[in-house]
N, C-alpha and C. Protein backbone atom coordinates (compact mmCIF):
# COMPACT_ATOMS: atom_id res chain seq x y z
N MET A 1 -31.11 -41.03 32.00
CA MET A 1 -31.17 -40.48 30.68
C MET A 1 -31.83 -39.10 30.76
N SER A 2 -31.27 -38.13 30.09
CA SER A 2 -31.76 -36.76 30.13
C SER A 2 -32.98 -36.58 29.22
N CYS A 3 -33.92 -35.76 29.67
CA CYS A 3 -35.12 -35.44 28.90
C CYS A 3 -35.21 -33.92 28.78
N THR A 4 -35.33 -33.43 27.56
CA THR A 4 -35.37 -32.00 27.31
C THR A 4 -36.46 -31.32 28.13
N PHE A 5 -37.67 -31.86 28.13
CA PHE A 5 -38.77 -31.21 28.84
C PHE A 5 -38.61 -31.32 30.35
N CYS A 6 -38.11 -32.45 30.84
CA CYS A 6 -37.86 -32.57 32.28
C CYS A 6 -36.80 -31.55 32.71
N ASP A 7 -35.78 -31.37 31.88
CA ASP A 7 -34.74 -30.37 32.18
C ASP A 7 -35.33 -28.96 32.22
N LEU A 8 -36.24 -28.65 31.29
CA LEU A 8 -36.89 -27.32 31.28
C LEU A 8 -37.74 -27.12 32.53
N ILE A 9 -38.45 -28.15 32.93
CA ILE A 9 -39.30 -28.07 34.12
C ILE A 9 -38.42 -27.82 35.35
N GLU A 10 -37.32 -28.57 35.45
CA GLU A 10 -36.43 -28.44 36.60
C GLU A 10 -35.75 -27.07 36.63
N ALA A 11 -35.28 -26.59 35.47
CA ALA A 11 -34.59 -25.31 35.42
C ALA A 11 -35.56 -24.15 35.69
N GLY A 12 -36.78 -24.27 35.18
CA GLY A 12 -37.79 -23.26 35.44
C GLY A 12 -37.61 -21.95 34.71
N ASP A 13 -36.62 -21.86 33.81
CA ASP A 13 -36.35 -20.58 33.14
C ASP A 13 -37.01 -20.45 31.77
N VAL A 14 -38.10 -21.14 31.60
CA VAL A 14 -38.88 -21.09 30.36
C VAL A 14 -39.92 -19.97 30.51
N PRO A 15 -40.26 -19.29 29.43
CA PRO A 15 -41.33 -18.28 29.53
C PRO A 15 -42.70 -18.96 29.60
N TRP A 16 -43.02 -19.55 30.74
CA TRP A 16 -44.26 -20.31 30.91
C TRP A 16 -45.46 -19.42 30.65
N LEU A 17 -46.41 -19.91 29.89
CA LEU A 17 -47.71 -19.26 29.78
C LEU A 17 -48.53 -19.60 31.02
N VAL A 18 -48.41 -20.85 31.45
CA VAL A 18 -49.01 -21.32 32.70
C VAL A 18 -48.19 -22.52 33.16
N ARG A 19 -47.96 -22.60 34.45
CA ARG A 19 -47.26 -23.74 35.02
C ARG A 19 -48.02 -24.18 36.26
N GLU A 20 -48.48 -25.41 36.23
CA GLU A 20 -49.25 -25.99 37.32
C GLU A 20 -48.52 -27.21 37.84
N ASP A 21 -49.07 -27.84 38.86
CA ASP A 21 -48.42 -29.01 39.45
C ASP A 21 -48.19 -30.14 38.45
N ARG A 22 -49.20 -30.41 37.59
CA ARG A 22 -49.12 -31.60 36.74
C ARG A 22 -49.03 -31.31 35.25
N ALA A 23 -49.14 -30.04 34.85
CA ALA A 23 -49.05 -29.69 33.44
C ALA A 23 -48.57 -28.25 33.31
N ALA A 24 -47.98 -27.95 32.16
CA ALA A 24 -47.47 -26.61 31.90
C ALA A 24 -47.60 -26.31 30.41
N ALA A 25 -47.62 -25.01 30.10
CA ALA A 25 -47.71 -24.60 28.69
C ALA A 25 -46.70 -23.48 28.45
N PHE A 26 -46.05 -23.54 27.29
CA PHE A 26 -45.10 -22.50 26.91
C PHE A 26 -45.08 -22.34 25.40
N PRO A 27 -44.72 -21.12 24.93
CA PRO A 27 -44.68 -20.89 23.48
C PRO A 27 -43.45 -21.53 22.86
N LEU A 28 -43.57 -21.87 21.58
CA LEU A 28 -42.40 -22.36 20.85
C LEU A 28 -41.41 -21.23 20.67
N LEU A 29 -40.18 -21.59 20.45
CA LEU A 29 -39.16 -20.58 20.17
C LEU A 29 -39.49 -19.88 18.87
N PRO A 30 -39.21 -18.59 18.76
CA PRO A 30 -39.47 -17.87 17.50
C PRO A 30 -38.83 -18.59 16.31
N GLY A 31 -39.59 -18.69 15.26
CA GLY A 31 -39.12 -19.38 14.05
C GLY A 31 -39.55 -20.84 14.01
N GLY A 32 -39.93 -21.40 15.14
CA GLY A 32 -40.34 -22.80 15.19
C GLY A 32 -41.85 -22.98 15.16
N GLU A 33 -42.58 -21.90 15.33
CA GLU A 33 -44.03 -22.00 15.41
C GLU A 33 -44.67 -22.18 14.05
N LEU A 34 -45.76 -22.93 14.03
CA LEU A 34 -46.53 -23.14 12.80
C LEU A 34 -47.52 -22.01 12.56
N ALA A 35 -47.84 -21.28 13.63
CA ALA A 35 -48.77 -20.15 13.56
C ALA A 35 -48.48 -19.26 14.77
N PRO A 36 -48.86 -17.98 14.72
CA PRO A 36 -48.69 -17.13 15.89
C PRO A 36 -49.46 -17.71 17.08
N GLY A 37 -48.77 -17.90 18.20
CA GLY A 37 -49.41 -18.45 19.38
C GLY A 37 -49.26 -19.96 19.54
N HIS A 38 -48.62 -20.64 18.58
CA HIS A 38 -48.36 -22.08 18.68
C HIS A 38 -47.76 -22.36 20.06
N THR A 39 -48.39 -23.26 20.80
CA THR A 39 -48.03 -23.51 22.19
C THR A 39 -47.80 -24.99 22.43
N LEU A 40 -46.84 -25.30 23.29
CA LEU A 40 -46.63 -26.68 23.74
C LEU A 40 -47.24 -26.85 25.12
N VAL A 41 -47.99 -27.91 25.29
CA VAL A 41 -48.52 -28.30 26.59
C VAL A 41 -47.84 -29.60 26.96
N ILE A 42 -47.23 -29.63 28.14
CA ILE A 42 -46.50 -30.81 28.58
C ILE A 42 -46.99 -31.26 29.95
N SER A 43 -46.84 -32.54 30.19
CA SER A 43 -47.05 -33.08 31.53
C SER A 43 -45.80 -32.75 32.33
N THR A 44 -45.95 -32.37 33.60
CA THR A 44 -44.76 -32.11 34.41
C THR A 44 -44.14 -33.40 34.94
N ALA A 45 -44.89 -34.50 34.89
CA ALA A 45 -44.34 -35.81 35.25
C ALA A 45 -43.87 -36.48 33.97
N HIS A 46 -42.74 -37.13 34.02
CA HIS A 46 -42.21 -37.76 32.82
C HIS A 46 -42.97 -39.03 32.46
N SER A 47 -43.42 -39.09 31.25
CA SER A 47 -43.89 -40.31 30.61
C SER A 47 -43.58 -40.13 29.13
N LEU A 48 -43.44 -41.23 28.42
CA LEU A 48 -43.00 -41.15 27.03
C LEU A 48 -44.04 -40.54 26.11
N GLY A 49 -45.31 -40.83 26.32
CA GLY A 49 -46.33 -40.32 25.42
C GLY A 49 -47.71 -40.77 25.86
N VAL A 50 -48.68 -40.61 24.97
CA VAL A 50 -50.07 -40.92 25.26
C VAL A 50 -50.25 -42.36 25.73
N ILE A 51 -49.57 -43.28 25.09
CA ILE A 51 -49.75 -44.70 25.39
C ILE A 51 -49.22 -45.06 26.77
N ASP A 52 -48.17 -44.38 27.21
CA ASP A 52 -47.51 -44.72 28.46
C ASP A 52 -47.92 -43.87 29.65
N ALA A 53 -48.60 -42.75 29.43
CA ALA A 53 -48.92 -41.81 30.50
C ALA A 53 -49.97 -42.37 31.45
N PRO A 54 -49.80 -42.13 32.74
CA PRO A 54 -50.88 -42.47 33.68
C PRO A 54 -52.12 -41.66 33.30
N PRO A 55 -53.31 -42.24 33.40
CA PRO A 55 -54.54 -41.54 33.00
C PRO A 55 -54.70 -40.16 33.63
N ALA A 56 -54.33 -39.99 34.89
CA ALA A 56 -54.48 -38.69 35.55
C ALA A 56 -53.59 -37.63 34.89
N ASP A 57 -52.36 -38.01 34.53
CA ASP A 57 -51.45 -37.06 33.87
C ASP A 57 -51.96 -36.70 32.48
N LEU A 58 -52.48 -37.68 31.78
CA LEU A 58 -53.04 -37.43 30.45
C LEU A 58 -54.26 -36.51 30.55
N ALA A 59 -55.13 -36.77 31.50
CA ALA A 59 -56.33 -35.94 31.67
C ALA A 59 -55.96 -34.50 32.04
N THR A 60 -54.98 -34.34 32.91
CA THR A 60 -54.56 -32.99 33.30
C THR A 60 -53.96 -32.24 32.12
N ALA A 61 -53.14 -32.91 31.33
CA ALA A 61 -52.55 -32.26 30.16
C ALA A 61 -53.63 -31.88 29.15
N MET A 62 -54.59 -32.78 28.93
CA MET A 62 -55.66 -32.47 27.97
C MET A 62 -56.57 -31.35 28.46
N THR A 63 -56.78 -31.25 29.75
CA THR A 63 -57.56 -30.14 30.29
C THR A 63 -56.84 -28.82 30.03
N LEU A 64 -55.52 -28.83 30.17
CA LEU A 64 -54.75 -27.62 29.87
C LEU A 64 -54.77 -27.33 28.37
N VAL A 65 -54.72 -28.36 27.53
CA VAL A 65 -54.85 -28.16 26.08
C VAL A 65 -56.16 -27.43 25.79
N GLN A 66 -57.23 -27.85 26.43
CA GLN A 66 -58.53 -27.21 26.22
C GLN A 66 -58.50 -25.75 26.67
N ARG A 67 -57.91 -25.48 27.82
CA ARG A 67 -57.82 -24.10 28.32
C ARG A 67 -56.99 -23.23 27.38
N VAL A 68 -55.88 -23.77 26.88
CA VAL A 68 -55.05 -23.02 25.93
C VAL A 68 -55.84 -22.74 24.66
N GLY A 69 -56.56 -23.73 24.15
CA GLY A 69 -57.38 -23.54 22.96
C GLY A 69 -58.43 -22.45 23.14
N ARG A 70 -59.07 -22.45 24.30
CA ARG A 70 -60.06 -21.41 24.59
C ARG A 70 -59.40 -20.04 24.67
N ALA A 71 -58.22 -19.97 25.26
CA ALA A 71 -57.49 -18.70 25.33
C ALA A 71 -57.09 -18.22 23.94
N MET A 72 -56.76 -19.14 23.05
CA MET A 72 -56.43 -18.77 21.68
C MET A 72 -57.63 -18.15 20.97
N ARG A 73 -58.79 -18.71 21.23
CA ARG A 73 -60.02 -18.17 20.65
C ARG A 73 -60.28 -16.77 21.20
N THR A 74 -60.18 -16.62 22.51
CA THR A 74 -60.47 -15.34 23.16
C THR A 74 -59.41 -14.28 22.87
N ALA A 75 -58.15 -14.61 23.09
CA ALA A 75 -57.08 -13.61 23.01
C ALA A 75 -56.56 -13.37 21.60
N LEU A 76 -56.57 -14.40 20.76
CA LEU A 76 -55.98 -14.28 19.43
C LEU A 76 -57.02 -14.23 18.32
N GLY A 77 -58.27 -14.48 18.64
CA GLY A 77 -59.32 -14.51 17.63
C GLY A 77 -59.27 -15.73 16.73
N ALA A 78 -58.59 -16.79 17.21
CA ALA A 78 -58.52 -18.03 16.43
C ALA A 78 -59.92 -18.61 16.28
N THR A 79 -60.21 -19.13 15.11
CA THR A 79 -61.52 -19.73 14.87
C THR A 79 -61.47 -21.25 14.98
N GLY A 80 -60.30 -21.78 15.22
CA GLY A 80 -60.12 -23.22 15.42
C GLY A 80 -58.73 -23.48 15.98
N ILE A 81 -58.53 -24.70 16.42
CA ILE A 81 -57.20 -25.14 16.85
C ILE A 81 -56.94 -26.53 16.29
N VAL A 82 -55.69 -26.85 16.15
CA VAL A 82 -55.27 -28.21 15.81
C VAL A 82 -54.39 -28.66 16.97
N VAL A 83 -54.66 -29.87 17.47
CA VAL A 83 -53.87 -30.46 18.54
C VAL A 83 -53.06 -31.59 17.92
N LEU A 84 -51.76 -31.46 17.99
CA LEU A 84 -50.87 -32.45 17.38
C LEU A 84 -50.11 -33.20 18.48
N ASN A 85 -50.02 -34.51 18.32
CA ASN A 85 -49.27 -35.35 19.24
C ASN A 85 -48.71 -36.52 18.46
N ALA A 86 -47.49 -36.87 18.76
CA ALA A 86 -46.88 -38.08 18.23
C ALA A 86 -46.35 -38.85 19.44
N SER A 87 -46.64 -40.14 19.50
CA SER A 87 -46.21 -40.96 20.64
C SER A 87 -45.61 -42.26 20.13
N GLY A 88 -44.36 -42.46 20.43
CA GLY A 88 -43.69 -43.70 20.06
C GLY A 88 -42.63 -43.49 19.00
N PRO A 89 -41.71 -44.43 18.92
CA PRO A 89 -40.55 -44.27 18.05
C PRO A 89 -40.86 -44.16 16.56
N ASP A 90 -41.95 -44.72 16.09
CA ASP A 90 -42.24 -44.68 14.66
C ASP A 90 -43.30 -43.64 14.31
N SER A 91 -43.53 -42.70 15.22
CA SER A 91 -44.57 -41.69 15.01
C SER A 91 -44.03 -40.35 14.58
N GLY A 92 -42.72 -40.17 14.64
CA GLY A 92 -42.14 -38.87 14.36
C GLY A 92 -41.99 -38.03 15.62
N GLN A 93 -42.20 -38.63 16.78
CA GLN A 93 -42.07 -37.90 18.05
C GLN A 93 -40.64 -37.41 18.20
N SER A 94 -40.47 -36.11 18.42
CA SER A 94 -39.13 -35.54 18.49
C SER A 94 -38.58 -35.49 19.92
N VAL A 95 -39.45 -35.37 20.91
CA VAL A 95 -39.03 -35.39 22.32
C VAL A 95 -39.84 -36.48 23.01
N ALA A 96 -39.15 -37.44 23.60
CA ALA A 96 -39.81 -38.58 24.24
C ALA A 96 -40.34 -38.18 25.61
N HIS A 97 -41.35 -37.32 25.61
CA HIS A 97 -42.02 -36.84 26.82
C HIS A 97 -43.42 -36.43 26.38
N LEU A 98 -44.43 -36.78 27.17
CA LEU A 98 -45.80 -36.45 26.81
C LEU A 98 -45.96 -34.95 26.56
N HIS A 99 -46.34 -34.61 25.33
CA HIS A 99 -46.58 -33.20 25.00
C HIS A 99 -47.54 -33.08 23.83
N PHE A 100 -48.19 -31.94 23.77
CA PHE A 100 -49.15 -31.63 22.72
C PHE A 100 -48.83 -30.27 22.13
N HIS A 101 -48.86 -30.19 20.83
CA HIS A 101 -48.76 -28.90 20.15
C HIS A 101 -50.19 -28.39 19.98
N VAL A 102 -50.44 -27.17 20.41
CA VAL A 102 -51.75 -26.55 20.23
C VAL A 102 -51.52 -25.40 19.26
N VAL A 103 -52.10 -25.54 18.07
CA VAL A 103 -51.85 -24.59 16.99
C VAL A 103 -53.15 -23.86 16.66
N PRO A 104 -53.16 -22.52 16.83
CA PRO A 104 -54.37 -21.77 16.48
C PRO A 104 -54.52 -21.67 14.97
N CYS A 105 -55.76 -21.60 14.52
CA CYS A 105 -56.06 -21.51 13.08
C CYS A 105 -57.07 -20.40 12.82
N TRP A 106 -56.98 -19.82 11.62
CA TRP A 106 -57.88 -18.77 11.17
C TRP A 106 -58.32 -19.08 9.75
N ALA A 107 -59.42 -18.51 9.33
CA ALA A 107 -59.98 -18.77 8.01
C ALA A 107 -59.01 -18.44 6.88
N ASP A 108 -58.15 -17.44 7.08
CA ASP A 108 -57.25 -17.02 6.00
C ASP A 108 -55.90 -17.74 6.01
N ASP A 109 -55.78 -18.82 6.80
CA ASP A 109 -54.51 -19.55 6.89
C ASP A 109 -54.09 -20.21 5.58
N GLU A 110 -55.04 -20.78 4.86
CA GLU A 110 -54.74 -21.55 3.65
C GLU A 110 -53.72 -22.65 3.91
N VAL A 111 -53.82 -23.26 5.08
CA VAL A 111 -52.92 -24.35 5.45
C VAL A 111 -53.76 -25.44 6.11
N THR A 112 -53.32 -26.66 5.93
CA THR A 112 -53.97 -27.77 6.60
C THR A 112 -52.91 -28.55 7.35
N PHE A 113 -53.28 -29.04 8.52
CA PHE A 113 -52.36 -29.82 9.32
C PHE A 113 -52.73 -31.30 9.31
N TRP A 114 -53.62 -31.68 8.42
CA TRP A 114 -54.05 -33.07 8.31
C TRP A 114 -53.09 -33.81 7.39
N PRO A 115 -52.73 -35.08 7.71
CA PRO A 115 -51.83 -35.83 6.83
C PRO A 115 -52.38 -35.90 5.40
N VAL A 116 -51.48 -35.82 4.44
CA VAL A 116 -51.89 -35.85 3.04
C VAL A 116 -51.58 -37.17 2.36
N SER A 117 -50.90 -38.07 3.05
CA SER A 117 -50.64 -39.39 2.47
C SER A 117 -51.11 -40.45 3.47
N ARG A 118 -51.21 -41.67 2.98
CA ARG A 118 -51.71 -42.78 3.81
C ARG A 118 -50.62 -43.82 4.04
N SER A 119 -50.72 -44.50 5.16
CA SER A 119 -49.80 -45.58 5.48
C SER A 119 -50.00 -46.73 4.51
N ARG A 120 -48.92 -47.40 4.18
CA ARG A 120 -49.00 -48.59 3.32
C ARG A 120 -48.86 -49.87 4.13
N HIS A 121 -48.83 -49.73 5.46
CA HIS A 121 -48.66 -50.90 6.33
C HIS A 121 -49.83 -51.87 6.16
N GLN A 122 -49.52 -53.16 6.09
CA GLN A 122 -50.54 -54.21 5.94
C GLN A 122 -50.67 -54.98 7.25
N LEU A 123 -51.90 -55.31 7.61
CA LEU A 123 -52.17 -56.07 8.83
C LEU A 123 -52.65 -57.47 8.49
N ALA A 124 -52.47 -58.38 9.43
CA ALA A 124 -53.02 -59.73 9.29
C ALA A 124 -54.40 -59.73 9.94
N GLY A 125 -55.40 -59.27 9.21
CA GLY A 125 -56.76 -59.12 9.73
C GLY A 125 -57.21 -57.69 9.55
N THR A 126 -58.47 -57.44 9.89
CA THR A 126 -58.97 -56.08 9.74
C THR A 126 -58.63 -55.28 10.99
N ALA A 127 -58.27 -54.03 10.80
CA ALA A 127 -57.88 -53.17 11.92
C ALA A 127 -59.00 -53.06 12.94
N SER A 128 -60.24 -52.89 12.49
CA SER A 128 -61.34 -52.71 13.45
C SER A 128 -61.55 -53.95 14.30
N GLU A 129 -61.43 -55.14 13.73
CA GLU A 129 -61.59 -56.37 14.52
C GLU A 129 -60.43 -56.53 15.51
N LEU A 130 -59.21 -56.28 15.05
CA LEU A 130 -58.05 -56.40 15.93
C LEU A 130 -58.14 -55.41 17.09
N LEU A 131 -58.55 -54.16 16.79
CA LEU A 131 -58.68 -53.15 17.84
C LEU A 131 -59.81 -53.51 18.81
N ALA A 132 -60.95 -53.94 18.29
CA ALA A 132 -62.08 -54.31 19.16
C ALA A 132 -61.68 -55.44 20.11
N ASP A 133 -60.96 -56.43 19.60
CA ASP A 133 -60.51 -57.54 20.44
C ASP A 133 -59.55 -57.04 21.53
N ALA A 134 -58.59 -56.19 21.14
CA ALA A 134 -57.63 -55.67 22.11
C ALA A 134 -58.33 -54.83 23.18
N LEU A 135 -59.30 -53.99 22.77
CA LEU A 135 -60.03 -53.17 23.72
C LEU A 135 -60.92 -54.00 24.65
N ALA A 136 -61.36 -55.15 24.18
CA ALA A 136 -62.17 -56.06 25.00
C ALA A 136 -61.30 -56.96 25.87
N GLY A 137 -59.98 -56.85 25.73
CA GLY A 137 -59.07 -57.65 26.53
C GLY A 137 -58.82 -59.04 25.99
N LYS A 138 -59.26 -59.29 24.77
CA LYS A 138 -59.04 -60.60 24.16
C LYS A 138 -57.62 -60.69 23.62
N PRO A 139 -57.01 -61.86 23.71
CA PRO A 139 -55.68 -62.02 23.11
C PRO A 139 -55.77 -61.85 21.60
N THR A 140 -54.79 -61.18 21.04
CA THR A 140 -54.77 -60.96 19.60
C THR A 140 -53.45 -61.44 19.02
N ALA A 141 -53.49 -61.79 17.76
CA ALA A 141 -52.26 -62.13 17.04
C ALA A 141 -51.70 -60.82 16.53
N ARG A 142 -50.59 -60.39 17.11
CA ARG A 142 -49.99 -59.12 16.73
C ARG A 142 -49.16 -59.27 15.47
N THR A 143 -49.32 -58.33 14.59
CA THR A 143 -48.48 -58.28 13.40
C THR A 143 -47.17 -57.63 13.80
N PRO A 144 -46.04 -58.31 13.57
CA PRO A 144 -44.77 -57.66 13.93
C PRO A 144 -44.54 -56.44 13.04
N PRO A 145 -43.86 -55.42 13.57
CA PRO A 145 -43.56 -54.25 12.74
C PRO A 145 -42.80 -54.66 11.50
N GLN A 146 -43.04 -53.93 10.41
CA GLN A 146 -42.35 -54.24 9.17
C GLN A 146 -40.85 -54.17 9.39
N GLY A 147 -40.14 -55.12 8.82
CA GLY A 147 -38.70 -55.18 8.96
C GLY A 147 -38.26 -55.89 10.23
N GLN A 148 -39.20 -56.31 11.07
CA GLN A 148 -38.87 -57.00 12.31
C GLN A 148 -39.20 -58.49 12.14
N PRO A 149 -38.41 -59.37 12.71
CA PRO A 149 -38.74 -60.80 12.63
C PRO A 149 -39.97 -61.11 13.47
N SER A 150 -40.73 -62.15 13.07
CA SER A 150 -41.91 -62.52 13.85
C SER A 150 -41.57 -63.46 14.98
């Protein structure tokens, strides 16, 4: 199965801001950016997203996210950054490959990148208890996704 980001890595004809063994960064195409300097940071190894990535690949990508953010502060005068990631089929992820959008922000932006609505999904139990049990390795009763049979 073809992957857009894997194809870009293989072709190598992207205007890379930085390309390393395990992570790379490149600007969005003109017209697609949320702010001047909006950058994509990708893992050079294929994994679907945060949940599926080997820890070393995730750490390398996040280290590059941090470097890009610092460069935005230094080179662009950004006073903040927003790091956006969607992982999984119901998250809005547009390319099934580990990637992060790094968006520079300034005081005069008058824009927010924080969600403005809340999920209406209902769980069988409290989220914090279910998460604590899963993180502790305890078996949990999983709520099937809405619209899916149990």
